Structures are given as structure tokens and as C-alpha cells.
Amino acid sequence: NQIESIVQEYCESFDIKHSDLYKGIGTGGRARIYKGINLSMIRTSLSYYLYEKYPLTALQVSQLVGYTDHSMVIHNRRRAGECIDVNDELFMNHYNILLKICMKYDVNQLFSRRERITLIHK
């Protein structure tokens, strides 16, 4: 499916496997860095994008990106939005890679979740 393809290709762009996003679960915390790769930024950018652009619940997104529950998706939605607002270099480097990948898949994903809800209710 399209979402799994995006997640897979994004992970491959950092030379990691999708399963690497789950490193550290059950050991008292998720791994933030693995093989020199910032898994935290990968999870944050993926969760923000998937939650904003697809009709997925926070729980569904959390399961895709390696979080143990939905609360990190909600927290990182705000965090990612702030990073975009201030053009945070570390976050934007990761997020721009994701956006380039998504352009191949998301031709019809032109509106954010908020914009889609607004359009549906008009």
C-alpha cells in the first residue's frame, strides 16, 4: 500500500529498515540514534506527515512509526509544526527528504487533515 511504501522508502533513504524504527521498544525507551541515524527525527517527521496527510488515527500512525502509543503522535504533531514554523535545520533536513519521496506517491494528497475536514463540511 502507498503508506507502507512511503515509510519503507523513507527508511531506505537513511539506510535503515522499517523495523529499525522499533528499536528500543520494551527496553525502557526507544532508541534515538541507531547506526548514526537520528531515529527520533525520522519518527517525528513521519508521524507528522502521515497524520496530517492521511485519514489515519494517532494510534495507527504510532504503530507505523515505532511509537508505543498514540500520545507521541499528538505531542510530535505540535513539535513538528513548531520546527516547520521556525525552519529548524535538523528537522527540515529530515522532513524535506520525506516530502521529496512523498511527491511520487501523493499526487492526490494536496490538502492537510484540517483542510480536508473543512472541505467535507462545506
Protein backbone atom coordinates (compact mmCIF):
# COMPACT_ATOMS: atom_id res chain seq x y z
CA ASN A 1 0.00 0.00 0.00
CA GLN A 2 1.02 3.61 -0.55
CA ILE A 3 1.64 4.48 3.09
CA GLU A 4 3.84 1.44 3.69
CA SER A 5 5.76 2.24 0.51
CA ILE A 6 6.43 5.78 1.74
CA VAL A 7 7.60 4.57 5.15
CA GLN A 8 9.79 1.89 3.56
CA GLU A 9 11.40 4.23 1.03
CA TYR A 10 11.97 6.92 3.66
CA CYS A 11 13.73 4.42 5.92
CA GLU A 12 15.81 3.15 3.00
CA SER A 13 16.91 6.73 2.24
CA PHE A 14 18.70 6.62 5.61
CA ASP A 15 19.99 3.08 5.04
CA ILE A 16 17.81 1.59 7.76
CA LYS A 17 14.94 -0.89 7.72
CA HIS A 18 11.38 -0.05 8.72
CA SER A 19 11.82 -2.49 11.61
CA ASP A 20 14.69 -0.32 12.92
CA LEU A 21 12.12 2.31 13.93
CA TYR A 22 11.01 -0.13 16.65
CA LYS A 23 14.48 -0.37 18.24
CA GLY A 24 14.40 0.05 21.99
CA ILE A 25 10.71 -0.68 22.46
CA GLY A 26 10.23 -2.71 25.61
CA THR A 27 13.68 -1.84 26.94
CA GLY A 28 12.74 1.29 28.85
CA GLY A 29 12.73 3.64 25.89
CA ARG A 30 13.06 3.92 22.15
CA ALA A 31 16.44 4.26 20.56
CA ARG A 32 17.04 7.84 19.45
CA ILE A 33 20.21 7.14 17.48
CA TYR A 34 20.86 3.90 15.60
CA LYS A 35 23.83 3.34 13.28
CA GLY A 36 24.47 7.10 13.49
CA ILE A 37 20.94 7.86 12.26
CA ASN A 38 18.59 10.07 14.28
CA LEU A 39 15.58 7.76 14.59
CA SER A 40 13.75 10.34 16.66
CA MET A 41 13.69 12.82 13.75
CA ILE A 42 12.63 10.09 11.35
CA ARG A 43 9.77 9.08 13.62
CA THR A 44 8.74 12.71 14.22
CA SER A 45 8.72 13.70 10.55
CA LEU A 46 6.92 10.52 9.51
CA SER A 47 4.29 10.76 12.22
CA TYR A 48 3.60 14.42 11.44
CA TYR A 49 3.29 13.85 7.72
CA LEU A 50 1.19 10.68 7.93
CA TYR A 51 -1.20 12.13 10.50
CA GLU A 52 -1.66 15.36 8.57
CA LYS A 53 -1.99 13.88 5.09
CA TYR A 54 -3.79 10.56 5.54
CA PRO A 55 -7.04 9.61 7.25
CA LEU A 56 -5.22 7.63 9.95
CA THR A 57 -5.81 7.74 13.67
CA ALA A 58 -2.98 8.71 16.00
CA LEU A 59 -2.85 5.07 17.15
CA GLN A 60 -2.47 3.81 13.56
CA VAL A 61 0.33 6.30 12.91
CA SER A 62 2.07 5.35 16.16
CA GLN A 63 2.11 1.71 15.08
CA LEU A 64 3.62 2.61 11.70
CA VAL A 65 6.46 4.73 13.06
CA GLY A 66 7.52 2.75 16.12
CA TYR A 67 5.88 4.60 18.99
CA THR A 68 4.41 2.59 21.83
CA ASP A 69 1.17 4.59 21.90
CA HIS A 70 -0.70 7.45 20.25
CA SER A 71 0.42 10.18 22.68
CA MET A 72 3.77 10.67 20.94
CA VAL A 73 1.99 11.31 17.65
CA ILE A 74 -0.07 14.05 19.28
CA HIS A 75 2.98 15.53 21.05
CA ASN A 76 5.18 15.43 17.96
CA ARG A 77 2.48 16.96 15.78
CA ARG A 78 2.87 20.15 17.78
CA ARG A 79 6.65 19.80 17.93
CA ALA A 80 6.96 19.27 14.16
CA GLY A 81 4.68 22.22 13.47
CA GLU A 82 6.93 24.43 15.58
CA CYS A 83 10.02 23.13 13.77
CA ILE A 84 8.41 23.96 10.42
CA ASP A 85 7.39 27.42 11.64
CA VAL A 86 10.96 28.32 12.65
CA ASN A 87 12.58 26.35 9.82
CA ASP A 88 14.56 24.17 12.26
CA GLU A 89 17.52 22.91 10.23
CA LEU A 90 17.77 19.41 11.72
CA PHE A 91 14.07 18.69 11.41
CA MET A 92 13.72 20.29 7.97
CA ASN A 93 16.61 18.22 6.59
CA HIS A 94 14.72 15.07 7.54
CA TYR A 95 11.30 16.38 6.57
CA ASN A 96 12.41 17.60 3.12
CA ILE A 97 13.73 14.13 2.28
CA LEU A 98 10.32 12.74 3.21
CA LEU A 99 8.50 15.36 1.13
CA LYS A 100 10.57 14.52 -1.95
CA ILE A 101 9.69 10.85 -1.56
CA CYS A 102 6.02 11.62 -0.98
CA MET A 103 5.77 13.71 -4.12
CA LYS A 104 5.98 10.47 -6.11
CA TYR A 105 3.10 8.91 -4.22
CA ASP A 106 0.92 11.77 -3.05
CA VAL A 107 -0.34 13.37 -6.22
CA ASN A 108 -3.85 13.48 -4.74
CA GLN A 109 -2.77 14.37 -1.19
CA LEU A 110 -2.90 18.13 -1.71
CA PHE A 111 -4.74 19.09 1.47
CA SER A 112 -3.90 18.71 5.13
CA ARG A 113 -6.23 16.88 7.51
CA ARG A 114 -7.68 20.22 8.69
CA GLU A 115 -8.24 21.40 5.10
CA ARG A 116 -9.97 18.12 4.15
CA ILE A 117 -12.30 18.30 7.14
CA THR A 118 -13.17 21.89 6.22
CA LEU A 119 -13.87 20.92 2.60
CA ILE A 120 -16.03 17.96 3.62
CA HIS A 121 -18.19 20.12 5.87
CA LYS A 122 -18.82 22.85 3.26
